[in-house]
Amino acid sequence: MSIVYDYDVAPEHDHLVELFERGNTLALESLTPEASSIIDAFPFGKCLPEWFPGAVLRRKADLSKHCAMQMIEEPFEYATKREAMGSSTSAMALDLLRATKDVDDPSQLQLSKDTCVTAFVGLPHATTDDDNYEGFFIPKGSTLVANIWAIYHNGYAYPEPDVFKPERFFVGGKLRGDKSTESLAFGFGRRACPGHYNADNSVWIAIVLILCALKIAKARGEQGEELDFEPTFSYGVTTSPDPFPCSITLRLNVDIHKLSTADSSPPFE
């Protein structure tokens, strides 16, 4: 929010953060294989009015669309006010406003708004013209979805893809650094997520600080025995592990308030 809109997030109950969370939740709840199957089987479901009994998907879709519009408009409006007040900060939205300040074209303003929220990590796209790909004819207006799951489960590139084997990405103790380690979840080509590097670096910082400050282990029972469990996952546009038992304790002799100034050799065990 700061990098894109020059917006400082409140510590709790921030309006814009809650707006984005609500919009993302609605989208992930609606964009599921089950929902797609229902609409494919009964396409008239898209035309049902909101008040119609059982039109849950339609109501969720309309609410999700409303949130999406708010996600585009509200933070950009905040940035516009910041620019009008003479802010000297360099932020994505402010830079776009300055670049198009003398352009008398409403579509350019809308393009700037859309660019600020574009993060379409592999989501569906549409063809703008007829195309042929390896013998397949793809008509104009076709919806195309990159099968990222299949790419990451390619047994040739990733032997035993269903097994947790982080060592597959290392050679001689060093990260391979080839395309096998790239994250395709951020999309492809010129439509790839512009926040790719920021997201990668933020996750890396979080991982390092968590491992440095905390011990993460299996949960233990009343007799001190380790508790095994069978992991389960949620499915949809994205997949994530369901809640599971674990033990998280603070490492000894680690001052979490000084981690930002620690040297490059944190006390890992």
Protein backbone atom coordinates (compact mmCIF):
# COMPACT_ATOMS: atom_id res chain seq x y z
CA MET A 1 0.00 0.00 0.00
CA SER A 2 2.90 2.34 0.73
CA ILE A 3 4.86 1.50 -2.41
CA VAL A 4 1.86 1.74 -4.72
CA TYR A 5 -0.37 4.40 -3.14
CA ASP A 6 1.82 6.24 -0.58
CA TYR A 7 -0.64 4.93 2.03
CA ASP A 8 0.37 4.14 5.61
CA VAL A 9 -1.62 1.18 6.91
CA ALA A 10 -3.20 1.48 10.36
CA PRO A 11 -2.00 -1.13 12.90
CA GLU A 12 -5.51 -2.59 13.25
CA HIS A 13 -8.80 -2.55 11.35
CA ASP A 14 -7.46 -0.56 8.41
CA HIS A 15 -10.32 0.18 5.99
CA LEU A 16 -8.39 -0.42 2.76
CA VAL A 17 -6.69 -3.57 4.04
CA GLU A 18 -10.05 -4.98 5.11
CA LEU A 19 -11.47 -4.03 1.71
CA PHE A 20 -8.74 -5.96 -0.11
CA GLU A 21 -9.08 -8.92 2.24
CA ARG A 22 -12.85 -9.03 1.71
CA GLY A 23 -12.47 -8.78 -2.06
CA ASN A 24 -9.85 -11.53 -2.20
CA THR A 25 -11.88 -13.80 0.06
CA LEU A 26 -14.99 -13.39 -2.08
CA ALA A 27 -13.03 -14.10 -5.25
CA LEU A 28 -11.37 -17.23 -3.85
CA GLU A 29 -14.70 -18.51 -2.55
CA SER A 30 -16.38 -17.98 -5.91
CA LEU A 31 -13.62 -19.05 -8.31
CA THR A 32 -13.70 -22.77 -7.55
CA PRO A 33 -14.00 -25.86 -9.77
CA GLU A 34 -17.39 -26.57 -8.21
CA ALA A 35 -18.73 -23.13 -9.10
CA SER A 36 -17.38 -23.41 -12.64
CA SER A 37 -19.00 -26.82 -13.08
CA ILE A 38 -22.37 -25.47 -11.96
CA ILE A 39 -22.22 -22.53 -14.37
CA ASP A 40 -21.01 -24.77 -17.22
CA ALA A 41 -23.91 -27.16 -16.64
CA PHE A 42 -26.52 -24.42 -16.06
CA PRO A 43 -25.31 -21.28 -17.91
CA PHE A 44 -28.64 -19.54 -17.29
CA GLY A 45 -27.47 -19.25 -13.67
CA LYS A 46 -25.49 -16.17 -14.70
CA CYS A 47 -28.74 -14.44 -15.66
CA LEU A 48 -30.71 -15.16 -12.50
CA PRO A 49 -31.65 -12.07 -10.44
CA GLU A 50 -30.05 -11.74 -7.02
CA TRP A 51 -33.37 -12.27 -5.20
CA PHE A 52 -33.99 -15.63 -6.90
CA PRO A 53 -33.95 -18.52 -4.37
CA GLY A 54 -30.67 -20.44 -4.57
CA ALA A 55 -28.83 -17.78 -6.62
CA VAL A 56 -25.93 -17.79 -4.15
CA LEU A 57 -23.26 -17.70 -6.86
CA ARG A 58 -24.90 -14.71 -8.52
CA ARG A 59 -25.05 -12.80 -5.24
CA LYS A 60 -21.42 -13.61 -4.46
CA ALA A 61 -20.36 -12.64 -7.98
CA ASP A 62 -22.10 -9.26 -7.77
CA LEU A 63 -20.64 -8.57 -4.31
CA SER A 64 -17.18 -9.60 -5.52
CA LYS A 65 -17.51 -7.25 -8.52
CA HIS A 66 -18.52 -4.39 -6.23
CA CYS A 67 -15.49 -5.03 -3.99
CA ALA A 68 -13.21 -5.22 -7.03
CA MET A 69 -14.38 -1.78 -8.19
CA GLN A 70 -13.80 -0.37 -4.70
CA MET A 71 -10.31 -1.93 -4.65
CA ILE A 72 -9.51 -0.05 -7.86
CA GLU A 73 -11.13 3.28 -7.03
CA GLU A 74 -10.66 3.98 -3.31
CA PRO A 75 -6.87 3.67 -2.90
CA PHE A 76 -6.29 5.50 -6.19
CA GLU A 77 -8.57 8.31 -5.01
CA TYR A 78 -6.44 8.55 -1.87
CA ALA A 79 -3.30 8.80 -4.03
CA THR A 80 -4.96 11.47 -6.19
CA LYS A 81 -5.64 13.57 -3.08
CA ARG A 82 -2.03 13.09 -1.94
CA GLU A 83 -0.80 14.34 -5.32
CA ALA A 84 -3.16 17.33 -5.20
CA MET A 85 -1.73 18.21 -1.77
CA GLY A 86 1.74 18.38 -3.31
CA SER A 87 3.22 15.14 -2.03
CA SER A 88 6.83 14.68 -3.08
CA THR A 89 6.83 10.97 -2.36
CA SER A 90 7.66 8.51 -5.12
CA ALA A 91 4.89 5.92 -5.27
CA MET A 92 3.55 3.96 -8.22
CA ALA A 93 0.16 5.68 -8.38
CA LEU A 94 1.68 9.13 -7.88
CA ASP A 95 4.28 8.52 -10.59
CA LEU A 96 1.53 7.43 -13.00
CA LEU A 97 -0.55 10.51 -12.17
CA ARG A 98 2.42 12.78 -12.84
CA ALA A 99 3.23 11.03 -16.10
CA THR A 100 -0.33 11.49 -17.42
CA LYS A 101 -1.00 14.91 -15.88
CA ASP A 102 -1.33 16.71 -19.21
CA VAL A 103 -2.95 13.83 -21.10
CA ASP A 104 -6.59 14.64 -21.92
CA ASP A 105 -7.74 11.04 -22.23
CA PRO A 106 -9.99 9.39 -19.60
CA SER A 107 -8.85 5.95 -20.73
CA GLN A 108 -5.30 6.77 -19.63
CA LEU A 109 -6.53 7.53 -16.11
CA GLN A 110 -8.44 4.24 -16.03
CA LEU A 111 -5.35 2.43 -17.30
CA SER A 112 -3.33 3.92 -14.44
CA LYS A 113 -5.94 2.76 -11.92
CA ASP A 114 -6.00 -0.76 -13.34
CA THR A 115 -2.21 -0.96 -13.48
CA CYS A 116 -1.95 -0.28 -9.74
CA VAL A 117 -4.01 -3.35 -8.83
CA THR A 118 -2.87 -5.66 -11.61
CA ALA A 119 -1.32 -8.74 -10.01
CA PHE A 120 -2.70 -11.43 -12.19
CA VAL A 121 -0.55 -14.27 -10.47
CA GLY A 122 -1.58 -16.83 -13.69
CA LEU A 123 -5.31 -15.91 -13.71
CA PRO A 124 -7.40 -16.34 -16.89
CA HIS A 125 -6.76 -14.14 -19.91
CA ALA A 126 -8.60 -13.68 -23.20
CA THR A 127 -7.21 -13.75 -26.74
CA THR A 128 -7.55 -10.48 -28.63
CA ASP A 129 -7.24 -12.17 -32.05
CA ASP A 130 -7.54 -15.60 -33.64
CA ASP A 131 -4.39 -17.62 -33.03
CA ASN A 132 -2.81 -20.97 -33.83
CA TYR A 133 -0.55 -22.76 -31.35
CA GLU A 134 1.11 -26.04 -32.27
CA GLY A 135 -1.80 -27.03 -34.49
CA PHE A 136 -4.54 -25.82 -32.13
CA PHE A 137 -6.84 -23.08 -33.39
CA ILE A 138 -7.71 -20.57 -30.65
CA PRO A 139 -10.58 -18.23 -31.61
CA LYS A 140 -10.58 -14.56 -30.66
CA GLY A 141 -12.14 -14.02 -27.24
CA SER A 142 -11.21 -17.47 -25.92
CA THR A 143 -10.45 -17.74 -22.22
CA LEU A 144 -6.98 -19.14 -21.59
CA VAL A 145 -5.78 -20.46 -18.24
CA ALA A 146 -2.14 -21.34 -17.63
CA ASN A 147 -1.95 -24.80 -16.04
CA ILE A 148 0.65 -23.87 -13.43
CA TRP A 149 -0.16 -27.00 -11.41
CA ALA A 150 0.82 -29.22 -14.35
CA ILE A 151 4.04 -27.26 -14.93
CA TYR A 152 5.12 -27.75 -11.31
CA HIS A 153 4.14 -31.43 -11.38
CA ASN A 154 6.19 -32.20 -14.48
CA GLY A 155 8.09 -35.33 -13.43
CA TYR A 156 10.89 -34.62 -15.91
CA ALA A 157 11.72 -31.20 -14.41
CA TYR A 158 10.73 -32.12 -10.85
CA PRO A 159 11.33 -35.83 -10.05
CA GLU A 160 8.79 -37.11 -7.52
CA PRO A 161 6.82 -33.85 -7.64
CA ASP A 162 4.45 -34.86 -4.83
CA VAL A 163 7.30 -35.44 -2.37
CA PHE A 164 8.71 -32.63 -0.20
CA LYS A 165 12.30 -32.53 -1.48
CA PRO A 166 13.77 -29.02 -1.28
CA GLU A 167 17.18 -30.51 -2.08
CA ARG A 168 16.06 -30.85 -5.70
CA PHE A 169 16.70 -27.12 -6.09
CA PHE A 170 20.31 -27.29 -4.89
CA VAL A 171 23.54 -28.35 -6.56
CA GLY A 172 26.66 -28.57 -4.41
CA GLY A 173 24.90 -26.76 -1.58
CA LYS A 174 23.95 -23.78 -3.76
CA LEU A 175 20.61 -22.82 -5.28
CA ARG A 176 20.41 -23.96 -8.88
CA GLY A 177 19.19 -20.55 -10.06
CA ASP A 178 17.67 -21.87 -13.30
CA LYS A 179 14.05 -21.71 -14.43
CA SER A 180 13.12 -24.59 -12.12
CA THR A 181 13.37 -22.22 -9.15
CA GLU A 182 11.31 -19.40 -10.68
CA SER A 183 7.85 -18.74 -9.30
CA LEU A 184 5.30 -18.99 -12.09
CA ALA A 185 2.46 -18.01 -9.78
CA PHE A 186 3.18 -14.38 -10.64
CA GLY A 187 2.13 -14.87 -14.25
CA PHE A 188 3.97 -14.64 -17.53
CA GLY A 189 5.38 -12.10 -19.97
CA ARG A 190 4.26 -8.48 -19.99
CA ARG A 191 1.18 -9.27 -17.87
CA ALA A 192 3.22 -10.71 -15.00
CA CYS A 193 2.62 -9.28 -11.53
CA PRO A 194 4.62 -6.04 -11.09
CA GLY A 195 4.97 -6.83 -7.37
CA HIS A 196 6.92 -10.04 -8.07
CA TYR A 197 10.24 -8.99 -6.56
CA ASN A 198 8.70 -7.16 -3.63
CA ALA A 199 6.63 -10.24 -2.76
CA ASP A 200 9.57 -12.63 -3.10
CA ASN A 201 11.82 -10.50 -0.92
CA SER A 202 9.11 -9.96 1.71
CA VAL A 203 8.49 -13.70 1.99
CA TRP A 204 12.23 -14.37 2.24
CA ILE A 205 12.61 -11.80 5.06
CA ALA A 206 9.64 -13.33 6.90
CA ILE A 207 11.05 -16.86 6.58
CA VAL A 208 14.48 -15.82 7.87
CA LEU A 209 13.07 -13.93 10.87
CA ILE A 210 10.68 -16.75 11.78
CA LEU A 211 13.44 -19.38 11.66
CA CYS A 212 15.81 -17.12 13.55
CA ALA A 213 13.40 -16.28 16.38
CA LEU A 214 11.24 -19.39 16.70
CA LYS A 215 11.47 -23.15 17.08
CA ILE A 216 8.85 -24.93 15.00
CA ALA A 217 8.22 -28.60 15.78
CA LYS A 218 5.51 -31.22 15.93
CA ALA A 219 2.90 -30.79 18.64
CA ARG A 220 3.25 -33.09 21.65
CA GLY A 221 0.64 -35.01 23.60
CA GLU A 222 0.08 -35.25 27.35
CA GLN A 223 2.88 -37.80 27.72
CA GLY A 224 5.33 -35.71 25.69
CA GLU A 225 5.00 -37.86 22.57
CA GLU A 226 5.08 -36.25 19.12
CA LEU A 227 1.67 -36.07 17.48
CA ASP A 228 1.53 -37.14 13.84
CA PHE A 229 -1.21 -35.91 11.54
CA GLU A 230 -2.35 -36.32 7.96
CA PRO A 231 -2.16 -32.94 6.19
CA THR A 232 -5.22 -31.74 4.29
CA PHE A 233 -5.48 -28.85 1.85
CA SER A 234 -8.02 -26.37 0.56
CA TYR A 235 -8.54 -26.18 -3.19
CA GLY A 236 -9.64 -23.54 -5.65
CA VAL A 237 -7.74 -20.82 -7.53
CA THR A 238 -5.01 -21.35 -4.94
CA THR A 239 -4.31 -24.16 -2.51
CA SER A 240 -3.13 -23.94 1.08
CA PRO A 241 -2.81 -26.28 4.07
CA ASP A 242 -5.71 -26.49 6.47
CA PRO A 243 -4.99 -25.72 10.16
CA PHE A 244 -2.78 -28.38 11.77
CA PRO A 245 -1.26 -28.99 15.22
CA CYS A 246 2.30 -27.78 15.84
CA SER A 247 4.56 -26.38 18.53
CA ILE A 248 5.99 -22.88 18.15
CA THR A 249 8.30 -21.59 20.89
CA LEU A 250 10.71 -18.70 21.20
CA ARG A 251 14.37 -19.60 20.76
CA LEU A 252 16.60 -18.91 23.76
CA ASN A 253 19.04 -16.00 23.72
CA VAL A 254 17.31 -14.31 20.79
CA ASP A 255 16.21 -10.70 21.19
CA ILE A 256 13.49 -10.38 18.55
CA HIS A 257 13.67 -6.57 18.85
CA LYS A 258 17.26 -6.60 17.59
CA LEU A 259 16.79 -8.93 14.63
CA SER A 260 16.77 -6.05 12.17
CA THR A 261 20.34 -5.19 13.18
CA ALA A 262 21.61 -8.75 13.59
CA ASP A 263 24.62 -9.93 11.62
CA SER A 264 24.43 -12.42 8.78
CA SER A 265 24.90 -15.42 11.09
CA PRO A 266 21.64 -15.89 13.04
CA PRO A 267 21.66 -18.58 15.75
CA PHE A 268 20.08 -21.41 13.79
CA GLU A 269 20.09 -24.89 15.30
